[in-house]
Amino acid sequence: QVQLVESGGGLVQPGGSLRLSCAASGFTFRLYAMSWYRQAPGKERELVASITYDESLTNYADSVKGRFTISRDNAKNTVYLQMNSLKPEDTAVYYCTGRFGRNDYWGQGAQVTVSS
């Protein structure tokens, strides 16, 4: 059974940091490109960051460049999103995804709220 389970979300003040984790199971994680998406209330889902299966390439939305870092540990079947200098506009549900060929898996999401 394929599972992507996000953790590490929560409430943080502006300027603070959070690290999201996504634990994968049920598929060959090391072959999959992994990404983080987010969706804020009333807005479309957007790609936040992505990383290739071998960590050779990463990609970031302009809105998070220099503040967020995506990484992965293929030995632990886990992908991470380190979020620094958080802003209220980063408030959203964050989703972990895995893609390989026609396979496209999604987690249930983790709420991140940035507020004072």
Protein backbone atom coordinates (compact mmCIF):
# COMPACT_ATOMS: atom_id res chain seq x y z
CA GLN A 1 0.00 0.00 0.00
CA VAL A 2 1.43 3.34 -1.08
CA GLN A 3 1.66 5.92 1.68
CA LEU A 4 3.08 9.41 1.96
CA VAL A 5 2.75 10.77 5.48
CA GLU A 6 3.61 14.40 6.16
CA SER A 7 4.58 15.66 9.61
CA GLY A 8 6.10 18.75 11.18
CA GLY A 9 3.42 21.29 10.41
CA GLY A 10 1.97 23.67 12.95
CA LEU A 11 1.67 27.26 14.07
CA VAL A 12 4.72 29.50 13.90
CA GLN A 13 5.31 33.23 14.21
CA PRO A 14 6.45 35.30 11.23
CA GLY A 15 10.19 34.96 10.80
CA GLY A 16 10.20 31.52 12.37
CA SER A 17 11.15 28.13 10.95
CA LEU A 18 9.57 24.73 10.47
CA ARG A 19 10.77 21.50 8.93
CA LEU A 20 8.28 19.29 7.17
CA SER A 21 8.99 15.60 6.74
CA CYS A 22 7.32 13.13 4.42
CA ALA A 23 7.78 9.42 5.08
CA ALA A 24 7.16 7.21 2.07
CA SER A 25 6.29 3.54 1.89
CA GLY A 26 4.85 1.05 -0.56
CA PHE A 27 6.93 2.08 -3.56
CA THR A 28 10.59 2.35 -4.61
CA PHE A 29 11.24 5.78 -3.18
CA ARG A 30 14.77 6.15 -4.59
CA LEU A 31 13.40 6.11 -8.16
CA TYR A 32 10.87 8.87 -7.63
CA ALA A 33 11.14 12.60 -8.10
CA MET A 34 9.65 14.21 -5.00
CA SER A 35 7.93 17.54 -4.62
CA TRP A 36 6.15 19.73 -2.14
CA TYR A 37 2.99 21.58 -3.16
CA ARG A 38 0.84 23.90 -1.11
CA GLN A 39 -2.68 25.22 -1.22
CA ALA A 40 -3.88 28.25 0.67
CA PRO A 41 -7.58 28.92 1.31
CA GLY A 42 -9.26 30.23 -1.82
CA LYS A 43 -6.14 29.77 -3.93
CA GLU A 44 -4.95 27.23 -6.45
CA ARG A 45 -2.48 24.55 -5.50
CA GLU A 46 1.08 25.57 -6.34
CA LEU A 47 4.41 23.82 -6.65
CA VAL A 48 6.75 24.88 -3.86
CA ALA A 49 9.86 22.78 -4.45
CA SER A 50 10.98 19.62 -6.19
CA ILE A 51 14.00 17.33 -6.15
CA THR A 52 15.14 14.65 -8.59
CA TYR A 53 15.47 11.01 -7.57
CA ASP A 54 19.25 11.34 -7.16
CA GLU A 55 19.26 14.84 -5.60
CA SER A 56 21.09 16.20 -8.65
CA LEU A 57 18.55 18.95 -9.27
CA THR A 58 16.22 21.03 -7.15
CA ASN A 59 13.65 23.58 -8.18
CA TYR A 60 11.83 26.26 -6.19
CA ALA A 61 8.94 28.63 -6.63
CA ASP A 62 10.16 32.22 -6.83
CA SER A 63 8.20 33.04 -3.70
CA VAL A 64 10.27 30.66 -1.54
CA LYS A 65 13.74 30.85 -3.13
CA GLY A 66 16.39 31.55 -0.56
CA ARG A 67 14.05 30.65 2.32
CA PHE A 68 13.03 27.02 1.72
CA THR A 69 15.25 24.00 1.11
CA ILE A 70 14.11 20.62 -0.15
CA SER A 71 16.19 17.53 0.59
CA ARG A 72 15.79 13.78 0.71
CA ASP A 73 17.25 10.74 2.42
CA ASN A 74 16.81 7.72 0.19
CA ALA A 75 18.03 5.41 2.95
CA LYS A 76 15.13 6.59 5.14
CA ASN A 77 12.56 6.95 2.35
CA THR A 78 11.95 10.50 3.49
CA VAL A 79 11.83 13.92 1.87
CA TYR A 80 12.11 17.15 3.81
CA LEU A 81 11.21 20.79 3.41
CA GLN A 82 13.13 23.19 5.62
CA MET A 83 11.24 26.47 5.80
CA ASN A 84 12.97 29.55 7.20
CA SER A 85 11.95 33.21 7.46
CA LEU A 86 8.31 32.20 7.25
CA LYS A 87 5.74 34.78 6.22
CA PRO A 88 1.98 34.89 6.76
CA GLU A 89 1.53 34.25 3.05
CA ASP A 90 3.22 30.87 3.50
CA THR A 91 0.14 29.73 5.41
CA ALA A 92 -1.28 26.73 3.56
CA VAL A 93 -1.73 22.99 3.55
CA TYR A 94 1.52 21.46 2.32
CA TYR A 95 1.43 18.24 0.31
CA CYS A 96 4.20 15.79 -0.40
CA THR A 97 4.14 14.10 -3.82
CA GLY A 98 6.11 11.40 -5.59
CA ARG A 99 6.28 10.94 -9.35
CA PHE A 100 7.78 8.25 -11.59
CA GLY A 101 6.50 7.59 -15.07
CA ARG A 102 2.72 7.51 -14.85
CA ASN A 103 2.72 7.04 -11.10
CA ASP A 104 1.80 10.15 -9.15
CA TYR A 105 1.31 9.77 -5.41
CA TRP A 106 0.10 12.37 -2.91
CA GLY A 107 0.05 12.65 0.85
CA GLN A 108 -2.84 13.89 2.95
CA GLY A 109 -1.23 17.22 3.68
CA ALA A 110 0.11 19.12 6.68
CA GLN A 111 -1.20 22.47 7.86
CA VAL A 112 1.31 25.28 8.23
CA THR A 113 0.04 28.49 9.80
CA VAL A 114 2.23 31.57 10.08
CA SER A 115 0.69 34.10 12.42
CA SER A 116 1.53 36.29 15.37
